[in-house]
Amino acid sequence: MPAIPQPLRPDDDGGADASVSAALSGFEAGTATAADVLAAIGEARLLVPVVALLTESEVGEHGLRQEKESEMALPKLVGKDGREAVLAFTGAEAMRRWRADARPVQATAPQVCQAARHEDAAAVVVDVAGPVPFVIEGGMLQALATIEEARRDSSAVDRLVEALPGATVARLGDSPRRWWSRRRRG
C-alpha cells in the first residue's frame, strides 16, 4: 500500500514563497533572469497537484450514475507539439486558478523535476495559470532531477556529466593536497 508523504513544512499555510514571487515578478518585468527564478525556486516549497480520476462508476438506487471507485492522479499538461509537462505551483492560490478541485502535495523543485523525468515529461510548468508562468526544461530539468536522484544514488551525478556536454562536477577529495577533482565532458 502506498504511503502518504509527510509534509515538508507541517505549518505551511499554502502561500507562495516571497522570494519566488519576487523573482517571478522580476523575470516578467525583465529585471531578473531565469537563473534568478531557478535559484529562488530551488530553495522553496512547491505544490504539485493531484486530482481524483474516476476509474469505475455505477448506477445508484435513484437511477443516477455515481462514483464507485477513483484514484488520485498526477495531471500532465500536453502542449500543441505533443510534449508533456508536469505542473507545479508556488502556492495554493495559483493552483486554485488552474483547477479548484486539485489537492496540493508539497515538494521541492528537484523532487518535481525527478517526477517529470519518471513521467517522461519534457518540462515542469510552474504556475501555468499565472500570475507568472515559468518553464523548467532541458538541461536544467535534468540537473534538478539529478539533485534528487543523487540523494539516494551518488552515481547519478556521473550520469548527468555523461549526458550533458560541457557539464563540470567538482568533488571534495580525501587528501588535503588534492581537495577537489574535476570531471568535464564536452
C-alpha atoms as a PDB file:
ATOM      1  CA  MET A   1       0.000   0.000   0.000  1.00  0.00           C
ATOM      2  CA  PRO A   2       1.453   3.419  -0.929  1.00  0.00           C
ATOM      3  CA  ALA A   3       2.474   5.653   1.943  1.00  0.00           C
ATOM      4  CA  ILE A   4       1.099   9.143   2.344  1.00  0.00           C
ATOM      5  CA  PRO A   5       4.058  11.522   2.120  1.00  0.00           C
ATOM      6  CA  GLN A   6       4.895  13.567   5.167  1.00  0.00           C
ATOM      7  CA  PRO A   7       4.656  17.330   4.592  1.00  0.00           C
ATOM      8  CA  LEU A   8       7.909  19.217   4.077  1.00  0.00           C
ATOM      9  CA  ARG A   9       6.575  22.022   6.259  1.00  0.00           C
ATOM     10  CA  PRO A  10       3.724  20.989   8.582  1.00  0.00           C
ATOM     11  CA  ASP A  11       2.922  24.650   9.333  1.00  0.00           C
ATOM     12  CA  ASP A  12       2.601  25.568   5.627  1.00  0.00           C
ATOM     13  CA  ASP A  13      -0.276  27.995   5.015  1.00  0.00           C
ATOM     14  CA  GLY A  14      -0.203  27.422   1.239  1.00  0.00           C
ATOM     15  CA  GLY A  15       1.144  30.879   0.457  1.00  0.00           C
ATOM     16  CA  ALA A  16       3.744  31.460  -2.224  1.00  0.00           C
ATOM     17  CA  ASP A  17       7.311  31.997  -1.024  1.00  0.00           C
ATOM     18  CA  ALA A  18       8.058  35.740  -1.127  1.00  0.00           C
ATOM     19  CA  SER A  19      11.457  35.289  -2.787  1.00  0.00           C
ATOM     20  CA  VAL A  20       9.941  33.124  -5.543  1.00  0.00           C
ATOM     21  CA  SER A  21       7.149  35.639  -6.148  1.00  0.00           C
ATOM     22  CA  ALA A  22       9.689  38.469  -6.325  1.00  0.00           C
ATOM     23  CA  ALA A  23      11.922  36.520  -8.733  1.00  0.00           C
ATOM     24  CA  LEU A  24       8.979  35.646 -10.989  1.00  0.00           C
ATOM     25  CA  SER A  25       7.743  39.252 -10.987  1.00  0.00           C
ATOM     26  CA  GLY A  26      11.255  40.431 -11.817  1.00  0.00           C
ATOM     27  CA  PHE A  27      11.513  37.862 -14.598  1.00  0.00           C
ATOM     28  CA  GLU A  28       8.250  39.074 -16.095  1.00  0.00           C
ATOM     29  CA  ALA A  29       9.412  42.705 -15.834  1.00  0.00           C
ATOM     30  CA  GLY A  30      12.815  41.918 -17.327  1.00  0.00           C
ATOM     31  CA  THR A  31      14.753  42.802 -14.174  1.00  0.00           C
ATOM     32  CA  ALA A  32      15.524  39.193 -13.178  1.00  0.00           C
ATOM     33  CA  THR A  33      16.882  36.267 -15.151  1.00  0.00           C
ATOM     34  CA  ALA A  34      15.745  32.667 -15.414  1.00  0.00           C
ATOM     35  CA  ALA A  35      18.732  31.820 -13.193  1.00  0.00           C
ATOM     36  CA  ASP A  36      17.333  34.139 -10.505  1.00  0.00           C
ATOM     37  CA  VAL A  37      13.980  32.340 -10.678  1.00  0.00           C
ATOM     38  CA  LEU A  38      15.621  28.912 -10.551  1.00  0.00           C
ATOM     39  CA  ALA A  39      17.724  29.927  -7.542  1.00  0.00           C
ATOM     40  CA  ALA A  40      14.588  31.056  -5.692  1.00  0.00           C
ATOM     41  CA  ILE A  41      12.546  28.005  -6.709  1.00  0.00           C
ATOM     42  CA  GLY A  42      15.419  25.714  -5.713  1.00  0.00           C
ATOM     43  CA  GLU A  43      15.138  26.900  -2.114  1.00  0.00           C
ATOM     44  CA  ALA A  44      11.338  26.951  -1.845  1.00  0.00           C
ATOM     45  CA  ARG A  45       8.462  24.564  -1.396  1.00  0.00           C
ATOM     46  CA  LEU A  46       6.325  23.946  -4.472  1.00  0.00           C
ATOM     47  CA  LEU A  47       2.880  22.402  -4.624  1.00  0.00           C
ATOM     48  CA  VAL A  48       2.176  19.543  -7.025  1.00  0.00           C
ATOM     49  CA  PRO A  49      -1.485  18.958  -7.851  1.00  0.00           C
ATOM     50  CA  VAL A  50      -3.220  15.625  -7.553  1.00  0.00           C
ATOM     51  CA  VAL A  51      -6.747  15.135  -8.840  1.00  0.00           C
ATOM     52  CA  ALA A  52      -9.350  12.410  -8.480  1.00  0.00           C
ATOM     53  CA  LEU A  53      -9.707  10.254 -11.570  1.00  0.00           C
ATOM     54  CA  LEU A  54     -12.887   8.213 -11.894  1.00  0.00           C
ATOM     55  CA  THR A  55     -11.994   4.595 -12.643  1.00  0.00           C
ATOM     56  CA  GLU A  56     -15.376   2.943 -12.176  1.00  0.00           C
ATOM     57  CA  SER A  57     -18.945   4.149 -11.775  1.00  0.00           C
ATOM     58  CA  GLU A  58     -22.310   2.543 -11.182  1.00  0.00           C
ATOM     59  CA  VAL A  59     -25.984   3.427 -11.311  1.00  0.00           C
ATOM     60  CA  GLY A  60     -27.264   4.046  -7.796  1.00  0.00           C
ATOM     61  CA  GLU A  61     -30.665   3.208  -6.313  1.00  0.00           C
ATOM     62  CA  HIS A  62     -32.071   6.547  -7.549  1.00  0.00           C
ATOM     63  CA  GLY A  63     -31.105   5.789 -11.147  1.00  0.00           C
ATOM     64  CA  LEU A  64     -28.219   8.257 -11.188  1.00  0.00           C
ATOM     65  CA  ARG A  65     -24.651   7.422 -12.158  1.00  0.00           C
ATOM     66  CA  GLN A  66     -22.351   7.658  -9.155  1.00  0.00           C
ATOM     67  CA  GLU A  67     -18.723   7.113  -8.375  1.00  0.00           C
ATOM     68  CA  LYS A  68     -17.795   3.614  -7.352  1.00  0.00           C
ATOM     69  CA  GLU A  69     -14.024   3.831  -7.480  1.00  0.00           C
ATOM     70  CA  SER A  70     -11.468   6.567  -8.128  1.00  0.00           C
ATOM     71  CA  GLU A  71      -7.724   7.043  -7.968  1.00  0.00           C
ATOM     72  CA  MET A  72      -5.573  10.065  -7.321  1.00  0.00           C
ATOM     73  CA  ALA A  73      -3.553  11.087 -10.366  1.00  0.00           C
ATOM     74  CA  LEU A  74      -0.763  13.495 -11.232  1.00  0.00           C
ATOM     75  CA  PRO A  75      -2.139  15.544 -14.128  1.00  0.00           C
ATOM     76  CA  LYS A  76       0.109  16.467 -17.051  1.00  0.00           C
ATOM     77  CA  LEU A  77      -0.149  19.320 -19.490  1.00  0.00           C
ATOM     78  CA  VAL A  78       0.148  18.404 -23.184  1.00  0.00           C
ATOM     79  CA  GLY A  79       1.485  21.096 -25.500  1.00  0.00           C
ATOM     80  CA  LYS A  80       0.438  21.714 -29.087  1.00  0.00           C
ATOM     81  CA  ASP A  81       3.609  19.903 -30.161  1.00  0.00           C
ATOM     82  CA  GLY A  82       2.639  16.807 -28.113  1.00  0.00           C
ATOM     83  CA  ARG A  83       5.281  17.276 -25.422  1.00  0.00           C
ATOM     84  CA  GLU A  84       4.078  16.681 -21.877  1.00  0.00           C
ATOM     85  CA  ALA A  85       4.789  18.713 -18.757  1.00  0.00           C
ATOM     86  CA  VAL A  86       4.269  18.139 -15.056  1.00  0.00           C
ATOM     87  CA  LEU A  87       2.586  21.010 -13.238  1.00  0.00           C
ATOM     88  CA  ALA A  88       3.808  22.711 -10.067  1.00  0.00           C
ATOM     89  CA  PHE A  89       2.589  25.785  -8.265  1.00  0.00           C
ATOM     90  CA  THR A  90       4.188  28.354  -5.998  1.00  0.00           C
ATOM     91  CA  GLY A  91       1.130  28.438  -3.751  1.00  0.00           C
ATOM     92  CA  ALA A  92      -2.418  27.257  -3.186  1.00  0.00           C
ATOM     93  CA  GLU A  93      -3.952  30.348  -4.823  1.00  0.00           C
ATOM     94  CA  ALA A  94      -2.017  29.790  -8.058  1.00  0.00           C
ATOM     95  CA  MET A  95      -3.189  26.156  -8.014  1.00  0.00           C
ATOM     96  CA  ARG A  96      -6.825  27.219  -7.486  1.00  0.00           C
ATOM     97  CA  ARG A  97      -6.552  29.500 -10.534  1.00  0.00           C
ATOM     98  CA  TRP A  98      -5.744  26.418 -12.587  1.00  0.00           C
ATOM     99  CA  ARG A  99      -8.169  23.934 -11.028  1.00  0.00           C
ATOM    100  CA  ALA A 100     -10.134  24.448  -7.839  1.00  0.00           C
ATOM    101  CA  ASP A 101     -10.575  20.739  -7.082  1.00  0.00           C
ATOM    102  CA  ALA A 102      -6.856  19.887  -7.207  1.00  0.00           C
ATOM    103  CA  ARG A 103      -5.247  18.843  -3.940  1.00  0.00           C
ATOM    104  CA  PRO A 104      -1.722  20.073  -3.130  1.00  0.00           C
ATOM    105  CA  VAL A 105       1.239  17.883  -2.277  1.00  0.00           C
ATOM    106  CA  GLN A 106       4.342  19.679  -1.033  1.00  0.00           C
ATOM    107  CA  ALA A 107       7.548  19.017  -2.977  1.00  0.00           C
ATOM    108  CA  THR A 108      10.923  20.546  -3.712  1.00  0.00           C
ATOM    109  CA  ALA A 109      11.907  21.604  -7.222  1.00  0.00           C
ATOM    110  CA  PRO A 110      14.331  18.647  -7.518  1.00  0.00           C
ATOM    111  CA  GLN A 111      11.529  16.250  -6.499  1.00  0.00           C
ATOM    112  CA  VAL A 112       9.152  17.752  -9.064  1.00  0.00           C
ATOM    113  CA  CYS A 113      11.792  17.567 -11.796  1.00  0.00           C
ATOM    114  CA  GLN A 114      12.546  13.957 -10.909  1.00  0.00           C
ATOM    115  CA  ALA A 115       8.821  13.157 -11.102  1.00  0.00           C
ATOM    116  CA  ALA A 116       8.715  14.806 -14.530  1.00  0.00           C
ATOM    117  CA  ARG A 117      11.561  12.608 -15.752  1.00  0.00           C
ATOM    118  CA  HIS A 118       9.865   9.490 -14.365  1.00  0.00           C
ATOM    119  CA  GLU A 119       6.689  10.507 -16.207  1.00  0.00           C
ATOM    120  CA  ASP A 120       8.709  11.041 -19.429  1.00  0.00           C
ATOM    121  CA  ALA A 121       7.651  14.685 -19.397  1.00  0.00           C
ATOM    122  CA  ALA A 122       9.754  17.237 -21.245  1.00  0.00           C
ATOM    123  CA  ALA A 123       9.196  20.042 -18.749  1.00  0.00           C
ATOM    124  CA  VAL A 124       7.825  21.306 -15.473  1.00  0.00           C
ATOM    125  CA  VAL A 125       5.467  24.270 -15.811  1.00  0.00           C
ATOM    126  CA  VAL A 126       5.252  26.397 -12.685  1.00  0.00           C
ATOM    127  CA  ASP A 127       2.059  28.447 -12.184  1.00  0.00           C
ATOM    128  CA  VAL A 128       0.557  27.580 -15.569  1.00  0.00           C
ATOM    129  CA  ALA A 129      -2.466  29.842 -14.902  1.00  0.00           C
ATOM    130  CA  GLY A 130      -0.371  32.697 -13.515  1.00  0.00           C
ATOM    131  CA  PRO A 131       0.412  35.042 -12.062  1.00  0.00           C
ATOM    132  CA  VAL A 132       3.721  34.410 -13.913  1.00  0.00           C
ATOM    133  CA  PRO A 133       4.116  31.041 -15.666  1.00  0.00           C
ATOM    134  CA  PHE A 134       7.664  29.642 -15.766  1.00  0.00           C
ATOM    135  CA  VAL A 135       9.030  26.566 -17.563  1.00  0.00           C
ATOM    136  CA  ILE A 136      11.866  24.303 -16.421  1.00  0.00           C
ATOM    137  CA  GLU A 137      13.091  22.065 -19.267  1.00  0.00           C
ATOM    138  CA  GLY A 138      16.127  20.596 -20.981  1.00  0.00           C
ATOM    139  CA  GLY A 139      19.408  20.512 -19.128  1.00  0.00           C
ATOM    140  CA  MET A 140      18.057  22.369 -16.116  1.00  0.00           C
ATOM    141  CA  LEU A 141      15.264  19.825 -15.721  1.00  0.00           C
ATOM    142  CA  GLN A 142      17.861  17.065 -15.888  1.00  0.00           C
ATOM    143  CA  ALA A 143      20.174  18.804 -13.436  1.00  0.00           C
ATOM    144  CA  LEU A 144      17.462  19.438 -10.839  1.00  0.00           C
ATOM    145  CA  ALA A 145      16.167  15.865 -11.178  1.00  0.00           C
ATOM    146  CA  THR A 146      19.721  14.603 -10.672  1.00  0.00           C
ATOM    147  CA  ILE A 147      19.995  16.515  -7.393  1.00  0.00           C
ATOM    148  CA  GLU A 148      17.082  14.468  -6.051  1.00  0.00           C
ATOM    149  CA  GLU A 149      18.421  11.212  -7.510  1.00  0.00           C
ATOM    150  CA  ALA A 150      21.880  11.858  -6.034  1.00  0.00           C
ATOM    151  CA  ARG A 151      20.381  11.897  -2.542  1.00  0.00           C
ATOM    152  CA  ARG A 152      19.804   8.160  -2.942  1.00  0.00           C
ATOM    153  CA  ASP A 153      22.428   7.255  -5.556  1.00  0.00           C
ATOM    154  CA  SER A 154      25.688   9.210  -5.781  1.00  0.00           C
ATOM    155  CA  SER A 155      26.412   7.847  -9.279  1.00  0.00           C
ATOM    156  CA  ALA A 156      23.509   9.967 -10.599  1.00  0.00           C
ATOM    157  CA  VAL A 157      25.881  12.937 -10.864  1.00  0.00           C
ATOM    158  CA  ASP A 158      28.272  10.921 -13.043  1.00  0.00           C
ATOM    159  CA  ARG A 159      25.376  10.016 -15.347  1.00  0.00           C
ATOM    160  CA  LEU A 160      24.489  13.699 -15.634  1.00  0.00           C
ATOM    161  CA  VAL A 161      28.062  14.582 -16.621  1.00  0.00           C
ATOM    162  CA  GLU A 162      27.946  11.923 -19.324  1.00  0.00           C
ATOM    163  CA  ALA A 163      24.574  13.124 -20.619  1.00  0.00           C
ATOM    164  CA  LEU A 164      25.244  16.874 -20.717  1.00  0.00           C
ATOM    165  CA  PRO A 165      28.091  18.145 -22.884  1.00  0.00           C
ATOM    166  CA  GLY A 166      30.023  20.867 -21.082  1.00  0.00           C
ATOM    167  CA  ALA A 167      28.902  19.768 -17.596  1.00  0.00           C
ATOM    168  CA  THR A 168      31.505  20.116 -14.858  1.00  0.00           C
ATOM    169  CA  VAL A 169      31.410  18.434 -11.466  1.00  0.00           C
ATOM    170  CA  ALA A 170      33.744  19.247  -8.586  1.00  0.00           C
ATOM    171  CA  ARG A 171      34.132  16.882  -5.630  1.00  0.00           C
ATOM    172  CA  LEU A 172      35.995  17.126  -2.364  1.00  0.00           C
ATOM    173  CA  GLY A 173      38.767  14.553  -2.210  1.00  0.00           C
ATOM    174  CA  ASP A 174      40.392  12.629   0.654  1.00  0.00           C
ATOM    175  CA  SER A 175      43.807  14.276   0.559  1.00  0.00           C
ATOM    176  CA  PRO A 176      44.275  17.829   1.860  1.00  0.00           C
ATOM    177  CA  ARG A 177      46.744  18.437  -1.006  1.00  0.00           C
ATOM    178  CA  ARG A 178      44.183  17.361  -3.571  1.00  0.00           C
ATOM    179  CA  TRP A 179      40.979  18.710  -2.096  1.00  0.00           C
ATOM    180  CA  TRP A 180      38.957  18.545  -5.287  1.00  0.00           C
ATOM    181  CA  SER A 181      38.793  16.659  -8.517  1.00  0.00           C
ATOM    182  CA  ARG A 182      37.155  17.856 -11.672  1.00  0.00           C
ATOM    183  CA  ARG A 183      35.444  15.980 -14.429  1.00  0.00           C
ATOM    184  CA  ARG A 184      34.400  17.688 -17.600  1.00  0.00           C
ATOM    185  CA  ARG A 185      32.778  16.346 -20.714  1.00  0.00           C
ATOM    186  CA  GLY A 186      32.364  18.119 -23.924  1.00  0.00           C
END
